[in-house]
Amino acid sequence: MAAPTSTTRGTPSGADIPDGYQALLTLSNVPTIAFFEKEVQPPGVDGGEAIDTTTMHNAAYRTMRARSLKTLEDHTIRVAYDPTVYITILAQINIEQTITITFPDGNKLPYFGYMRRFTPDRLVEGSHPMADVTIVPTNYDPANNVEAGPGTIGTA
């Protein structure tokens, strides 16, 4: 029976992002939508629950394996907004398109998805009117009707 052996942590390549400013959300159908980003959350990645492979032949441990497929998770962008954007939002909810997250270093993450929800906060004197925009990554190219994960991250 083999036992795992340790691996020494190497020095990471690349560079971390020193500041969260300026991150942006772009919807391909309306790249100039009147959202003014305050907080941008990129989609998370989830491999799913482990597959239980335990049998009556296991002696001391439950065993499990990783799934094959990955999910890009729903994520939320916090925005200020122009009230006139409401009509545009009604037209864009549930419309599949390319979503792009632009990172502070200029790198861009394009993926297929749609705007699922626009949730404005209460309008209160003395506070900046804000809203949450929920984006659902679909991993599906609606033009070519095929599975399509995120595009290459780059500055183009």
C-alpha atoms as a PDB file:
ATOM      1  CA  MET A   1       0.000   0.000   0.000  1.00  0.00           C
ATOM      2  CA  ALA A   2       1.463   3.370  -1.040  1.00  0.00           C
ATOM      3  CA  ALA A   3       1.478   6.395   1.244  1.00  0.00           C
ATOM      4  CA  PRO A   4       1.515   9.982   0.029  1.00  0.00           C
ATOM      5  CA  THR A   5       4.770  11.890   0.232  1.00  0.00           C
ATOM      6  CA  SER A   6       5.090  15.589   0.960  1.00  0.00           C
ATOM      7  CA  THR A   7       5.816  18.225  -1.675  1.00  0.00           C
ATOM      8  CA  THR A   8       7.774  21.385  -0.940  1.00  0.00           C
ATOM      9  CA  ARG A   9       5.912  24.608  -1.717  1.00  0.00           C
ATOM     10  CA  GLY A  10       7.527  26.513  -4.565  1.00  0.00           C
ATOM     11  CA  THR A  11       7.700  30.241  -5.162  1.00  0.00           C
ATOM     12  CA  PRO A  12       4.604  31.383  -7.050  1.00  0.00           C
ATOM     13  CA  SER A  13       5.006  32.775 -10.533  1.00  0.00           C
ATOM     14  CA  GLY A  14       3.147  35.934 -11.503  1.00  0.00           C
ATOM     15  CA  ALA A  15       2.135  38.690  -9.130  1.00  0.00           C
ATOM     16  CA  ASP A  16      -0.766  39.206  -6.765  1.00  0.00           C
ATOM     17  CA  ILE A  17      -3.102  42.149  -7.159  1.00  0.00           C
ATOM     18  CA  PRO A  18      -2.084  44.783  -4.572  1.00  0.00           C
ATOM     19  CA  ASP A  19      -5.383  46.718  -4.615  1.00  0.00           C
ATOM     20  CA  GLY A  20      -8.967  45.942  -5.636  1.00  0.00           C
ATOM     21  CA  TYR A  21      -9.286  49.181  -7.594  1.00  0.00           C
ATOM     22  CA  GLN A  22     -10.325  49.282 -10.511  1.00  0.00           C
ATOM     23  CA  ALA A  23     -12.395  46.197 -11.279  1.00  0.00           C
ATOM     24  CA  LEU A  24     -15.247  46.307 -13.788  1.00  0.00           C
ATOM     25  CA  LEU A  25     -18.170  44.234 -15.093  1.00  0.00           C
ATOM     26  CA  THR A  26     -19.030  44.272 -18.798  1.00  0.00           C
ATOM     27  CA  LEU A  27     -22.147  42.799 -20.413  1.00  0.00           C
ATOM     28  CA  SER A  28     -21.491  42.268 -24.131  1.00  0.00           C
ATOM     29  CA  ASN A  29     -25.032  43.303 -25.134  1.00  0.00           C
ATOM     30  CA  VAL A  30     -24.820  46.617 -23.249  1.00  0.00           C
ATOM     31  CA  PRO A  31     -21.156  47.480 -22.559  1.00  0.00           C
ATOM     32  CA  THR A  32     -22.100  51.021 -21.459  1.00  0.00           C
ATOM     33  CA  ILE A  33     -24.887  50.020 -19.039  1.00  0.00           C
ATOM     34  CA  ALA A  34     -25.293  52.703 -16.356  1.00  0.00           C
ATOM     35  CA  PHE A  35     -23.751  50.684 -13.517  1.00  0.00           C
ATOM     36  CA  PHE A  36     -21.021  52.297 -11.444  1.00  0.00           C
ATOM     37  CA  GLU A  37     -19.125  49.440  -9.814  1.00  0.00           C
ATOM     38  CA  LYS A  38     -18.286  49.682  -6.111  1.00  0.00           C
ATOM     39  CA  GLU A  39     -17.452  46.010  -5.476  1.00  0.00           C
ATOM     40  CA  VAL A  40     -16.753  43.375  -8.118  1.00  0.00           C
ATOM     41  CA  GLN A  41     -16.753  39.703  -7.192  1.00  0.00           C
ATOM     42  CA  PRO A  42     -15.369  37.354  -9.884  1.00  0.00           C
ATOM     43  CA  PRO A  43     -17.063  33.953 -10.174  1.00  0.00           C
ATOM     44  CA  GLY A  44     -15.852  31.217  -7.855  1.00  0.00           C
ATOM     45  CA  VAL A  45     -15.024  27.733  -9.102  1.00  0.00           C
ATOM     46  CA  ASP A  46     -16.589  24.642  -7.486  1.00  0.00           C
ATOM     47  CA  GLY A  47     -15.621  21.050  -8.212  1.00  0.00           C
ATOM     48  CA  GLY A  48     -18.731  19.709  -6.495  1.00  0.00           C
ATOM     49  CA  GLU A  49     -19.179  17.310  -3.616  1.00  0.00           C
ATOM     50  CA  ALA A  50     -16.825  14.336  -3.404  1.00  0.00           C
ATOM     51  CA  ILE A  51     -17.966  10.995  -4.822  1.00  0.00           C
ATOM     52  CA  ASP A  52     -18.172   8.480  -1.979  1.00  0.00           C
ATOM     53  CA  THR A  53     -16.303   5.345  -3.121  1.00  0.00           C
ATOM     54  CA  THR A  54     -16.362   3.564   0.255  1.00  0.00           C
ATOM     55  CA  THR A  55     -17.228  -0.129   0.089  1.00  0.00           C
ATOM     56  CA  MET A  56     -17.484  -2.994   2.559  1.00  0.00           C
ATOM     57  CA  HIS A  57     -13.866  -3.769   1.619  1.00  0.00           C
ATOM     58  CA  ASN A  58     -12.503  -0.581   3.225  1.00  0.00           C
ATOM     59  CA  ALA A  59     -10.653  -1.361   6.457  1.00  0.00           C
ATOM     60  CA  ALA A  60     -10.039   1.986   8.233  1.00  0.00           C
ATOM     61  CA  TYR A  61     -11.067   4.954   6.095  1.00  0.00           C
ATOM     62  CA  ARG A  62     -13.954   6.140   3.996  1.00  0.00           C
ATOM     63  CA  THR A  63     -12.666   6.811   0.502  1.00  0.00           C
ATOM     64  CA  MET A  64     -13.774   9.411  -1.974  1.00  0.00           C
ATOM     65  CA  ARG A  65     -12.848  10.734  -5.375  1.00  0.00           C
ATOM     66  CA  ALA A  66     -13.062  14.077  -7.118  1.00  0.00           C
ATOM     67  CA  ARG A  67     -15.754  14.759  -9.681  1.00  0.00           C
ATOM     68  CA  SER A  68     -14.858  15.441 -13.301  1.00  0.00           C
ATOM     69  CA  LEU A  69     -16.889  18.585 -13.964  1.00  0.00           C
ATOM     70  CA  LYS A  70     -16.488  22.097 -12.570  1.00  0.00           C
ATOM     71  CA  THR A  71     -19.018  24.870 -11.948  1.00  0.00           C
ATOM     72  CA  LEU A  72     -18.392  28.598 -12.209  1.00  0.00           C
ATOM     73  CA  GLU A  73     -20.425  29.978  -9.327  1.00  0.00           C
ATOM     74  CA  ASP A  74     -23.002  32.761  -9.291  1.00  0.00           C
ATOM     75  CA  HIS A  75     -21.461  36.020  -8.129  1.00  0.00           C
ATOM     76  CA  THR A  76     -22.557  39.500  -7.153  1.00  0.00           C
ATOM     77  CA  ILE A  77     -21.405  42.938  -8.215  1.00  0.00           C
ATOM     78  CA  ARG A  78     -22.280  45.920  -5.995  1.00  0.00           C
ATOM     79  CA  VAL A  79     -23.147  49.006  -8.033  1.00  0.00           C
ATOM     80  CA  ALA A  80     -24.465  52.513  -7.920  1.00  0.00           C
ATOM     81  CA  TYR A  81     -26.835  53.090 -10.834  1.00  0.00           C
ATOM     82  CA  ASP A  82     -28.707  55.593 -12.933  1.00  0.00           C
ATOM     83  CA  PRO A  83     -32.465  55.012 -12.373  1.00  0.00           C
ATOM     84  CA  THR A  84     -33.027  55.111 -16.146  1.00  0.00           C
ATOM     85  CA  VAL A  85     -31.092  51.806 -16.370  1.00  0.00           C
ATOM     86  CA  TYR A  86     -34.195  50.010 -15.075  1.00  0.00           C
ATOM     87  CA  ILE A  87     -35.630  49.604 -18.607  1.00  0.00           C
ATOM     88  CA  THR A  88     -32.299  48.210 -19.850  1.00  0.00           C
ATOM     89  CA  ILE A  89     -32.211  45.772 -16.931  1.00  0.00           C
ATOM     90  CA  LEU A  90     -35.708  44.506 -17.750  1.00  0.00           C
ATOM     91  CA  ALA A  91     -34.486  43.819 -21.295  1.00  0.00           C
ATOM     92  CA  GLN A  92     -31.252  42.090 -20.161  1.00  0.00           C
ATOM     93  CA  ILE A  93     -32.417  39.830 -17.310  1.00  0.00           C
ATOM     94  CA  ASN A  94     -31.979  36.153 -18.371  1.00  0.00           C
ATOM     95  CA  ILE A  95     -30.346  37.088 -21.690  1.00  0.00           C
ATOM     96  CA  GLU A  96     -27.302  34.879 -22.281  1.00  0.00           C
ATOM     97  CA  GLN A  97     -24.254  36.786 -23.459  1.00  0.00           C
ATOM     98  CA  THR A  98     -20.538  37.202 -22.842  1.00  0.00           C
ATOM     99  CA  ILE A  99     -19.740  38.554 -19.404  1.00  0.00           C
ATOM    100  CA  THR A 100     -16.292  40.053 -18.790  1.00  0.00           C
ATOM    101  CA  ILE A 101     -14.675  40.782 -15.444  1.00  0.00           C
ATOM    102  CA  THR A 102     -11.776  43.231 -15.755  1.00  0.00           C
ATOM    103  CA  PHE A 103      -9.239  42.900 -12.944  1.00  0.00           C
ATOM    104  CA  PRO A 104      -7.318  45.863 -11.495  1.00  0.00           C
ATOM    105  CA  ASP A 105      -4.151  44.831 -13.376  1.00  0.00           C
ATOM    106  CA  GLY A 106      -6.013  45.003 -16.708  1.00  0.00           C
ATOM    107  CA  ASN A 107      -6.470  41.242 -17.135  1.00  0.00           C
ATOM    108  CA  LYS A 108      -9.917  40.221 -18.358  1.00  0.00           C
ATOM    109  CA  LEU A 109     -11.924  37.067 -17.635  1.00  0.00           C
ATOM    110  CA  PRO A 110     -14.569  36.454 -20.341  1.00  0.00           C
ATOM    111  CA  TYR A 111     -17.238  33.765 -19.889  1.00  0.00           C
ATOM    112  CA  PHE A 112     -20.791  33.055 -20.985  1.00  0.00           C
ATOM    113  CA  GLY A 113     -23.542  33.930 -18.547  1.00  0.00           C
ATOM    114  CA  TYR A 114     -26.525  36.140 -17.846  1.00  0.00           C
ATOM    115  CA  MET A 115     -27.765  38.744 -15.402  1.00  0.00           C
ATOM    116  CA  ARG A 116     -30.113  36.892 -13.098  1.00  0.00           C
ATOM    117  CA  ARG A 117     -31.036  39.533 -10.587  1.00  0.00           C
ATOM    118  CA  PHE A 118     -30.915  43.279  -9.972  1.00  0.00           C
ATOM    119  CA  THR A 119     -31.682  44.053  -6.328  1.00  0.00           C
ATOM    120  CA  PRO A 120     -31.686  47.740  -5.397  1.00  0.00           C
ATOM    121  CA  ASP A 121     -31.273  48.794  -1.766  1.00  0.00           C
ATOM    122  CA  ARG A 122     -33.799  51.023  -0.061  1.00  0.00           C
ATOM    123  CA  LEU A 123     -33.452  54.663  -1.000  1.00  0.00           C
ATOM    124  CA  VAL A 124     -32.514  56.500   2.185  1.00  0.00           C
ATOM    125  CA  GLU A 125     -31.606  60.122   2.790  1.00  0.00           C
ATOM    126  CA  GLY A 126     -27.893  60.544   3.400  1.00  0.00           C
ATOM    127  CA  SER A 127     -26.789  57.332   1.648  1.00  0.00           C
ATOM    128  CA  HIS A 128     -25.577  56.508  -1.847  1.00  0.00           C
ATOM    129  CA  PRO A 129     -28.258  54.423  -3.651  1.00  0.00           C
ATOM    130  CA  MET A 130     -26.784  50.995  -4.364  1.00  0.00           C
ATOM    131  CA  ALA A 131     -27.863  47.675  -5.860  1.00  0.00           C
ATOM    132  CA  ASP A 132     -26.616  44.105  -6.127  1.00  0.00           C
ATOM    133  CA  VAL A 133     -26.339  42.577  -9.593  1.00  0.00           C
ATOM    134  CA  THR A 134     -26.248  38.767  -9.626  1.00  0.00           C
ATOM    135  CA  ILE A 135     -24.524  37.107 -12.568  1.00  0.00           C
ATOM    136  CA  VAL A 136     -24.901  33.404 -13.414  1.00  0.00           C
ATOM    137  CA  PRO A 137     -22.088  31.812 -15.454  1.00  0.00           C
ATOM    138  CA  THR A 138     -23.596  29.275 -17.867  1.00  0.00           C
ATOM    139  CA  ASN A 139     -20.508  27.685 -19.481  1.00  0.00           C
ATOM    140  CA  TYR A 140     -22.679  27.454 -22.595  1.00  0.00           C
ATOM    141  CA  ASP A 141     -22.178  29.277 -25.892  1.00  0.00           C
ATOM    142  CA  PRO A 142     -25.717  30.219 -26.982  1.00  0.00           C
ATOM    143  CA  ALA A 143     -24.638  31.155 -30.518  1.00  0.00           C
ATOM    144  CA  ASN A 144     -22.992  27.804 -31.285  1.00  0.00           C
ATOM    145  CA  ASN A 145     -25.018  25.648 -28.857  1.00  0.00           C
ATOM    146  CA  VAL A 146     -21.962  24.069 -27.222  1.00  0.00           C
ATOM    147  CA  GLU A 147     -20.320  23.827 -23.810  1.00  0.00           C
ATOM    148  CA  ALA A 148     -17.789  26.621 -23.410  1.00  0.00           C
ATOM    149  CA  GLY A 149     -15.770  27.383 -20.302  1.00  0.00           C
ATOM    150  CA  PRO A 150     -14.157  30.738 -19.588  1.00  0.00           C
ATOM    151  CA  GLY A 151     -11.970  32.296 -22.240  1.00  0.00           C
ATOM    152  CA  THR A 152      -8.280  32.970 -21.835  1.00  0.00           C
ATOM    153  CA  ILE A 153      -7.411  35.496 -19.156  1.00  0.00           C
ATOM    154  CA  GLY A 154      -5.448  38.317 -20.712  1.00  0.00           C
ATOM    155  CA  THR A 155      -5.341  42.030 -21.287  1.00  0.00           C
ATOM    156  CA  ALA A 156      -6.790  41.951 -24.803  1.00  0.00           C
END
